[in-house]
Amino acid sequence: MKSYILWGVLGISTLLLVFTLFRHRFAFHWLGYLCLNVALASFLLYALNLFLPYTNVEVPINATTVGTVSVLGLPGLLMLVALKLWVV
């Protein structure tokens, strides 16, 4: 019973999101901007891990790190590197 309710909420929220996207034409610009930020953040994390033999800093590429870098940008990447060096 609980899973049916969760699937129903997911379906209704998906339909509302699609309705909102088709209703407002600027929503596609926002979605494109979001996708561009996520792709750029993934590329920055990949480039950082590419220089692993030289820097000895490895930041994993997962949803949390990509989200942090996509929202905060380069300062977020530097924050993750500092946390990796200082805490871990």
N, C-alpha and C. Protein backbone atom coordinates (compact mmCIF):
# COMPACT_ATOMS: atom_id res chain seq x y z
N MET A 1 0.83 -1.19 0.00
CA MET A 1 0.00 0.00 0.00
C MET A 1 0.87 1.26 0.00
N LYS A 2 1.95 1.24 0.79
CA LYS A 2 2.83 2.39 0.89
C LYS A 2 3.53 2.65 -0.44
N SER A 3 3.92 1.60 -1.15
CA SER A 3 4.61 1.80 -2.42
C SER A 3 3.68 2.38 -3.48
N TYR A 4 2.39 2.01 -3.44
CA TYR A 4 1.44 2.58 -4.39
C TYR A 4 1.28 4.09 -4.17
N ILE A 5 1.26 4.49 -2.92
CA ILE A 5 1.15 5.92 -2.61
C ILE A 5 2.38 6.66 -3.11
N LEU A 6 3.57 6.09 -2.88
CA LEU A 6 4.80 6.73 -3.33
C LEU A 6 4.86 6.82 -4.85
N TRP A 7 4.46 5.76 -5.55
CA TRP A 7 4.44 5.79 -7.01
C TRP A 7 3.41 6.80 -7.51
N GLY A 8 2.29 6.91 -6.84
CA GLY A 8 1.29 7.90 -7.21
C GLY A 8 1.79 9.32 -7.06
N VAL A 9 2.48 9.60 -5.95
CA VAL A 9 3.04 10.93 -5.72
C VAL A 9 4.11 11.23 -6.78
N LEU A 10 4.93 10.25 -7.11
CA LEU A 10 5.95 10.44 -8.14
C LEU A 10 5.31 10.72 -9.50
N GLY A 11 4.28 9.98 -9.84
CA GLY A 11 3.60 10.19 -11.12
C GLY A 11 2.94 11.54 -11.22
N ILE A 12 2.25 11.96 -10.16
CA ILE A 12 1.58 13.25 -10.16
C ILE A 12 2.60 14.39 -10.22
N SER A 13 3.69 14.28 -9.47
CA SER A 13 4.70 15.34 -9.51
C SER A 13 5.39 15.40 -10.86
N THR A 14 5.58 14.26 -11.52
CA THR A 14 6.16 14.26 -12.86
C THR A 14 5.23 14.94 -13.85
N LEU A 15 3.95 14.64 -13.77
CA LEU A 15 2.98 15.28 -14.67
C LEU A 15 2.93 16.79 -14.43
N LEU A 16 2.97 17.21 -13.19
CA LEU A 16 2.96 18.65 -12.89
C LEU A 16 4.23 19.33 -13.40
N LEU A 17 5.38 18.67 -13.29
CA LEU A 17 6.62 19.23 -13.80
C LEU A 17 6.58 19.38 -15.31
N VAL A 18 6.09 18.37 -16.01
CA VAL A 18 5.98 18.43 -17.47
C VAL A 18 5.00 19.52 -17.87
N PHE A 19 3.88 19.64 -17.16
CA PHE A 19 2.91 20.69 -17.43
C PHE A 19 3.53 22.07 -17.25
N THR A 20 4.30 22.24 -16.20
CA THR A 20 4.96 23.53 -15.94
C THR A 20 5.98 23.84 -17.02
N LEU A 21 6.73 22.84 -17.45
CA LEU A 21 7.73 23.07 -18.48
C LEU A 21 7.10 23.49 -19.80
N PHE A 22 5.99 22.88 -20.17
CA PHE A 22 5.34 23.23 -21.43
C PHE A 22 4.53 24.52 -21.34
N ARG A 23 4.15 24.91 -20.16
CA ARG A 23 3.36 26.12 -19.99
C ARG A 23 4.22 27.38 -20.07
N HIS A 24 5.38 27.34 -19.45
CA HIS A 24 6.27 28.50 -19.41
C HIS A 24 7.46 28.23 -20.32
N ARG A 25 7.69 29.10 -21.29
CA ARG A 25 8.76 28.86 -22.24
C ARG A 25 10.14 29.13 -21.63
N PHE A 26 10.21 29.95 -20.58
CA PHE A 26 11.50 30.21 -19.95
C PHE A 26 11.96 29.06 -19.07
N ALA A 27 11.09 28.12 -18.79
CA ALA A 27 11.48 26.96 -17.99
C ALA A 27 12.49 26.11 -18.74
N PHE A 28 12.41 26.07 -20.06
CA PHE A 28 13.39 25.31 -20.83
C PHE A 28 14.77 25.95 -20.73
N HIS A 29 14.82 27.28 -20.66
CA HIS A 29 16.10 27.96 -20.49
C HIS A 29 16.70 27.62 -19.12
N TRP A 30 15.86 27.59 -18.10
CA TRP A 30 16.32 27.25 -16.77
C TRP A 30 16.82 25.81 -16.72
N LEU A 31 16.10 24.91 -17.36
CA LEU A 31 16.52 23.50 -17.38
C LEU A 31 17.82 23.33 -18.15
N GLY A 32 17.98 24.06 -19.25
CA GLY A 32 19.23 24.01 -20.01
C GLY A 32 20.39 24.56 -19.21
N TYR A 33 20.16 25.64 -18.48
CA TYR A 33 21.19 26.22 -17.63
C TYR A 33 21.61 25.24 -16.53
N LEU A 34 20.65 24.55 -15.95
CA LEU A 34 20.94 23.56 -14.93
C LEU A 34 21.77 22.40 -15.49
N CYS A 35 21.39 21.91 -16.66
CA CYS A 35 22.14 20.82 -17.29
C CYS A 35 23.56 21.25 -17.65
N LEU A 36 23.72 22.49 -18.10
CA LEU A 36 25.05 23.00 -18.41
C LEU A 36 25.92 23.08 -17.16
N ASN A 37 25.36 23.54 -16.05
CA ASN A 37 26.11 23.60 -14.79
C ASN A 37 26.53 22.22 -14.31
N VAL A 38 25.64 21.25 -14.42
CA VAL A 38 25.97 19.88 -13.99
C VAL A 38 27.06 19.29 -14.88
N ALA A 39 26.98 19.52 -16.18
CA ALA A 39 28.00 19.00 -17.09
C ALA A 39 29.35 19.66 -16.83
N LEU A 40 29.35 20.95 -16.59
CA LEU A 40 30.60 21.65 -16.30
C LEU A 40 31.19 21.19 -14.97
N ALA A 41 30.37 20.97 -13.98
CA ALA A 41 30.85 20.48 -12.69
C ALA A 41 31.44 19.09 -12.83
N SER A 42 30.81 18.23 -13.59
CA SER A 42 31.34 16.88 -13.81
C SER A 42 32.68 16.94 -14.53
N PHE A 43 32.79 17.83 -15.50
CA PHE A 43 34.06 17.98 -16.22
C PHE A 43 35.16 18.48 -15.29
N LEU A 44 34.85 19.44 -14.42
CA LEU A 44 35.85 19.96 -13.49
C LEU A 44 36.32 18.87 -12.52
N LEU A 45 35.39 18.07 -12.02
CA LEU A 45 35.79 16.98 -11.12
C LEU A 45 36.61 15.93 -11.86
N TYR A 46 36.25 15.64 -13.11
CA TYR A 46 37.02 14.68 -13.90
C TYR A 46 38.42 15.22 -14.17
N ALA A 47 38.54 16.51 -14.50
CA ALA A 47 39.84 17.11 -14.75
C ALA A 47 40.71 17.09 -13.49
N LEU A 48 40.10 17.32 -12.33
CA LEU A 48 40.85 17.25 -11.08
C LEU A 48 41.36 15.84 -10.83
N ASN A 49 40.51 14.85 -11.06
CA ASN A 49 40.93 13.46 -10.86
C ASN A 49 41.90 13.00 -11.93
N LEU A 50 41.92 13.67 -13.08
CA LEU A 50 42.86 13.33 -14.14
C LEU A 50 44.29 13.66 -13.72
N PHE A 51 44.44 14.71 -12.92
CA PHE A 51 45.76 15.11 -12.43
C PHE A 51 46.11 14.46 -11.09
N LEU A 52 45.49 13.35 -10.78
CA LEU A 52 45.72 12.65 -9.52
C LEU A 52 47.18 12.26 -9.31
N PRO A 53 47.90 11.76 -10.32
CA PRO A 53 49.30 11.40 -10.05
C PRO A 53 50.17 12.60 -9.66
N TYR A 54 49.79 13.79 -10.07
CA TYR A 54 50.59 14.98 -9.76
C TYR A 54 50.16 15.64 -8.45
N THR A 55 48.88 15.58 -8.14
CA THR A 55 48.37 16.31 -6.98
C THR A 55 48.08 15.43 -5.77
N ASN A 56 47.90 14.13 -5.97
CA ASN A 56 47.54 13.19 -4.92
C ASN A 56 46.22 13.57 -4.22
N VAL A 57 45.32 14.21 -4.96
CA VAL A 57 44.01 14.58 -4.45
C VAL A 57 42.97 13.91 -5.33
N GLU A 58 42.12 13.08 -4.71
CA GLU A 58 41.07 12.41 -5.45
C GLU A 58 39.73 12.77 -4.81
N VAL A 59 38.89 13.44 -5.57
CA VAL A 59 37.55 13.79 -5.13
C VAL A 59 36.59 12.93 -5.94
N PRO A 60 35.78 12.11 -5.29
CA PRO A 60 34.90 11.21 -6.05
C PRO A 60 33.85 11.98 -6.84
N ILE A 61 33.45 11.40 -7.96
CA ILE A 61 32.40 12.00 -8.77
C ILE A 61 31.10 11.29 -8.42
N ASN A 62 30.30 11.93 -7.58
CA ASN A 62 28.99 11.41 -7.21
C ASN A 62 28.00 12.57 -7.16
N ALA A 63 26.77 12.29 -6.83
CA ALA A 63 25.72 13.31 -6.88
C ALA A 63 26.00 14.46 -5.90
N THR A 64 26.56 14.15 -4.76
CA THR A 64 26.83 15.19 -3.76
C THR A 64 27.91 16.14 -4.22
N THR A 65 29.02 15.61 -4.72
CA THR A 65 30.11 16.48 -5.15
C THR A 65 29.75 17.25 -6.42
N VAL A 66 29.06 16.60 -7.35
CA VAL A 66 28.64 17.30 -8.57
C VAL A 66 27.64 18.40 -8.22
N GLY A 67 26.73 18.13 -7.31
CA GLY A 67 25.77 19.15 -6.89
C GLY A 67 26.44 20.33 -6.20
N THR A 68 27.43 20.03 -5.37
CA THR A 68 28.15 21.10 -4.67
C THR A 68 28.90 21.98 -5.66
N VAL A 69 29.59 21.35 -6.60
CA VAL A 69 30.37 22.13 -7.57
C VAL A 69 29.45 22.86 -8.54
N SER A 70 28.31 22.27 -8.91
CA SER A 70 27.43 22.95 -9.84
C SER A 70 26.74 24.16 -9.20
N VAL A 71 26.48 24.11 -7.90
CA VAL A 71 25.85 25.25 -7.23
C VAL A 71 26.89 26.31 -6.87
N LEU A 72 28.03 25.89 -6.33
CA LEU A 72 29.02 26.85 -5.84
C LEU A 72 30.10 27.19 -6.84
N GLY A 73 30.28 26.39 -7.87
CA GLY A 73 31.28 26.67 -8.90
C GLY A 73 32.69 26.32 -8.45
N LEU A 74 33.65 27.11 -8.92
CA LEU A 74 35.06 26.86 -8.60
C LEU A 74 35.34 26.97 -7.09
N PRO A 75 34.75 27.92 -6.35
CA PRO A 75 34.96 27.91 -4.90
C PRO A 75 34.45 26.63 -4.24
N GLY A 76 33.40 26.03 -4.78
CA GLY A 76 32.92 24.75 -4.24
C GLY A 76 33.90 23.64 -4.49
N LEU A 77 34.53 23.64 -5.67
CA LEU A 77 35.56 22.64 -5.96
C LEU A 77 36.75 22.81 -5.04
N LEU A 78 37.16 24.04 -4.82
CA LEU A 78 38.28 24.28 -3.91
C LEU A 78 37.92 23.90 -2.47
N MET A 79 36.66 24.11 -2.08
CA MET A 79 36.21 23.71 -0.75
C MET A 79 36.28 22.20 -0.60
N LEU A 80 35.87 21.45 -1.63
CA LEU A 80 35.93 19.99 -1.56
C LEU A 80 37.37 19.50 -1.48
N VAL A 81 38.26 20.16 -2.22
CA VAL A 81 39.68 19.78 -2.15
C VAL A 81 40.23 20.07 -0.76
N ALA A 82 39.88 21.23 -0.20
CA ALA A 82 40.35 21.56 1.15
C ALA A 82 39.81 20.58 2.18
N LEU A 83 38.55 20.21 2.05
CA LEU A 83 37.98 19.22 2.98
C LEU A 83 38.67 17.87 2.83
N LYS A 84 38.98 17.51 1.60
CA LYS A 84 39.65 16.23 1.37
C LYS A 84 41.05 16.24 1.98
N LEU A 85 41.76 17.34 1.85
CA LEU A 85 43.11 17.42 2.38
C LEU A 85 43.14 17.56 3.90
N TRP A 86 42.16 18.29 4.45
CA TRP A 86 42.19 18.60 5.87
C TRP A 86 41.51 17.55 6.73
N VAL A 87 40.33 17.09 6.31
CA VAL A 87 39.55 16.20 7.15
C VAL A 87 39.88 14.74 6.87
N VAL A 88 39.90 14.35 5.62
CA VAL A 88 40.05 12.93 5.30
C VAL A 88 41.49 12.56 5.15
